[in-house]
Protein backbone atom coordinates (compact mmCIF):
# COMPACT_ATOMS: atom_id res chain seq x y z
CA MET A 1 -47.35 -45.99 -80.42
CA ALA A 2 -44.22 -44.28 -81.45
CA GLN A 3 -41.07 -44.68 -79.46
CA LYS A 4 -39.26 -41.63 -78.24
CA THR A 5 -35.82 -41.40 -79.64
CA ALA A 6 -32.89 -40.27 -77.60
CA HIS A 7 -31.82 -36.88 -78.72
CA PHE A 8 -29.58 -34.15 -77.48
CA ASP A 9 -31.13 -32.09 -74.68
CA PRO A 10 -29.24 -28.80 -74.26
CA ASN A 11 -30.96 -28.02 -70.94
CA LYS A 12 -29.71 -31.28 -69.40
CA LYS A 13 -26.06 -30.41 -70.20
CA GLY A 14 -26.50 -26.94 -68.67
CA ILE A 15 -27.82 -28.39 -65.42
CA ASN A 16 -24.85 -30.76 -65.16
CA MET A 17 -22.44 -27.88 -65.79
CA ASN A 18 -24.21 -25.71 -63.16
CA ILE A 19 -23.91 -28.51 -60.61
CA PHE A 20 -20.22 -28.93 -61.45
CA ILE A 21 -19.56 -25.18 -61.08
CA ALA A 22 -21.50 -25.07 -57.81
CA ILE A 23 -19.41 -27.94 -56.44
CA LEU A 24 -16.21 -26.18 -57.52
CA MET A 25 -17.30 -22.95 -55.81
CA LEU A 26 -18.22 -24.84 -52.65
CA VAL A 27 -14.84 -26.60 -52.57
CA THR A 28 -13.07 -23.26 -53.16
CA ALA A 29 -15.02 -21.65 -50.30
CA VAL A 30 -14.12 -24.53 -47.98
CA ILE A 31 -10.44 -24.21 -48.94
CA ILE A 32 -10.53 -20.45 -48.25
CA PHE A 33 -12.13 -20.94 -44.83
CA CYS A 34 -9.65 -23.69 -43.98
CA GLN A 35 -6.70 -21.47 -44.95
CA ASN A 36 -8.17 -18.60 -42.94
CA TRP A 37 -8.43 -20.89 -39.91
CA GLN A 38 -4.83 -22.04 -40.38
CA MET A 39 -3.57 -18.45 -40.71
CA GLU A 40 -5.44 -17.42 -37.55
CA LYS A 41 -3.90 -20.38 -35.73
CA PHE A 42 -0.48 -19.30 -37.04
CA ARG A 43 -1.01 -15.70 -35.84
CA LYS A 44 -1.94 -16.90 -32.36
CA GLY A 45 1.15 -19.10 -32.34
CA VAL A 46 3.34 -16.15 -33.28
CA VAL A 47 1.91 -14.07 -30.43
CA PHE A 48 2.32 -17.00 -28.04
CA TYR A 49 5.96 -17.60 -28.99
CA ARG A 50 6.76 -13.88 -29.02
CA TYR A 51 5.43 -13.58 -25.45
CA TYR A 52 7.39 -16.57 -24.19
CA ALA A 53 10.54 -15.39 -25.97
CA LYS A 54 10.17 -12.04 -24.20
CA LEU A 55 9.55 -13.85 -20.91
CA HIS A 56 12.74 -15.90 -21.25
CA GLU A 57 14.71 -12.86 -22.39
CA ASN A 58 13.48 -11.01 -19.31
CA LYS A 59 14.51 -13.89 -17.05
CA ALA A 60 17.96 -13.93 -18.66
CA ILE A 61 18.36 -10.18 -18.12
CA HIS A 62 17.29 -10.49 -14.48
CA ALA A 63 19.71 -13.38 -13.91
CA GLU A 64 22.58 -11.49 -15.51
CA GLU A 65 21.85 -8.37 -13.48
CA ALA A 66 21.54 -10.40 -10.26
CA GLN A 67 24.98 -11.85 -10.95
CA GLU A 68 26.45 -8.42 -11.60
CA LEU A 69 24.74 -7.08 -8.46
CA ALA A 70 26.27 -9.87 -6.37
CA LEU A 71 29.73 -9.10 -7.78
CA ASP A 72 29.30 -5.40 -7.04
CA LEU A 73 28.13 -6.13 -3.49
CA ILE A 74 31.20 -8.29 -2.91
CA LYS A 75 33.35 -5.41 -4.22
CA GLU A 76 31.54 -2.95 -1.93
CA LEU A 77 32.40 -5.13 1.04
CA GLY A 78 36.06 -4.83 0.02
CA TYR A 79 36.61 -8.31 -1.35
CA ASP A 80 37.85 -9.28 -4.78
CA VAL A 81 36.21 -12.27 -6.47
CA ASP A 82 39.46 -13.50 -7.98
CA ARG A 83 41.21 -13.41 -4.62
CA LEU A 84 38.25 -15.09 -2.90
CA SER A 85 38.34 -17.94 -5.40
CA ALA A 86 42.06 -18.34 -4.64
CA GLY A 87 41.28 -18.48 -0.90
CA ASP A 88 42.50 -14.99 0.04
CA ARG A 89 39.94 -13.30 2.32
CA THR A 90 41.70 -10.00 2.86
CA LYS A 91 39.71 -6.81 2.42
CA LYS A 92 40.77 -3.96 0.19
CA PRO A 93 39.28 -0.54 0.94
CA LEU A 94 37.48 1.10 -1.98
CA THR A 95 38.32 4.51 -3.31
CA GLU A 96 35.65 7.16 -3.71
CA SER A 97 35.68 6.76 -7.50
CA GLU A 98 35.15 3.00 -7.21
CA VAL A 99 32.17 3.52 -4.90
CA TRP A 100 30.61 5.98 -7.33
CA ALA A 101 31.31 3.65 -10.27
CA ILE A 102 29.46 0.86 -8.45
CA HIS A 103 26.62 3.28 -7.67
CA ASP A 104 26.38 4.33 -11.32
CA ARG A 105 26.35 0.71 -12.48
CA MET A 106 23.52 -0.03 -10.03
CA ASN A 107 21.49 2.87 -11.42
CA ILE A 108 22.09 1.70 -14.99
CA ARG A 109 21.16 -1.84 -13.94
CA GLN A 110 17.92 -0.59 -12.37
CA VAL A 111 16.95 1.28 -15.55
CA ARG A 112 17.73 -1.77 -17.69
CA LEU A 113 15.54 -3.97 -15.48
CA GLU A 114 12.69 -1.46 -15.63
CA VAL A 115 12.87 -1.36 -19.44
CA ALA A 116 12.92 -5.17 -19.63
CA ASP A 117 9.91 -5.40 -17.30
CA GLU A 118 8.03 -2.79 -19.34
CA GLU A 119 8.68 -4.71 -22.57
CA LEU A 120 7.47 -7.90 -20.90
CA GLU A 121 4.28 -6.18 -19.73
CA GLN A 122 3.63 -4.92 -23.25
CA ALA A 123 4.14 -8.43 -24.69
CA GLU A 124 1.84 -9.82 -21.99
CA ARG A 125 -0.88 -7.29 -22.89
CA ILE A 126 -0.64 -8.29 -26.57
CA TYR A 127 -0.73 -11.97 -25.59
CA ASN A 128 -3.81 -11.48 -23.40
CA MET A 129 -5.60 -9.47 -26.10
CA SER A 130 -5.05 -12.23 -28.64
CA LYS A 131 -6.80 -14.86 -26.54
C-alpha cells in the first residue's frame, strides 16, 4: 500500500484565513457595540450633570434673590442695614422715588426667578426624556 505524502492543500489555507477574518470581524463588532454602549452612557451622564447644574444654578439664583428681597424689605420698613449692624435702630422715611425703585427691583427679580424656573423645567423635561 502506498503512503500518502503530505502536500500543500490550498483549500485548507483558505479555511484558516476565513476563520481568522471571521474572528477579526467578530472582535471589531464587539468593539463597536462596546463603544456605542460607552457613548450612550456618556450622553446620559451629560444630561444628568446638565440637569443638576441647572438645579444648583436655580437654587443659587433663588438664594440671591431672597437675600436681595430681605434687604429691600428692611429698606421699605425704613431701616438701613449698615446702621442696623452698627446698632442704630432709627427709621428713615423713604422718598417716593426710593419706593418705586424698590418696586421696580421686585418686578425685575420676579421676572428673573420665572426665567430661572422655566429653564429648570426645560432641563428637567430633557432629563426625564433621557431616562
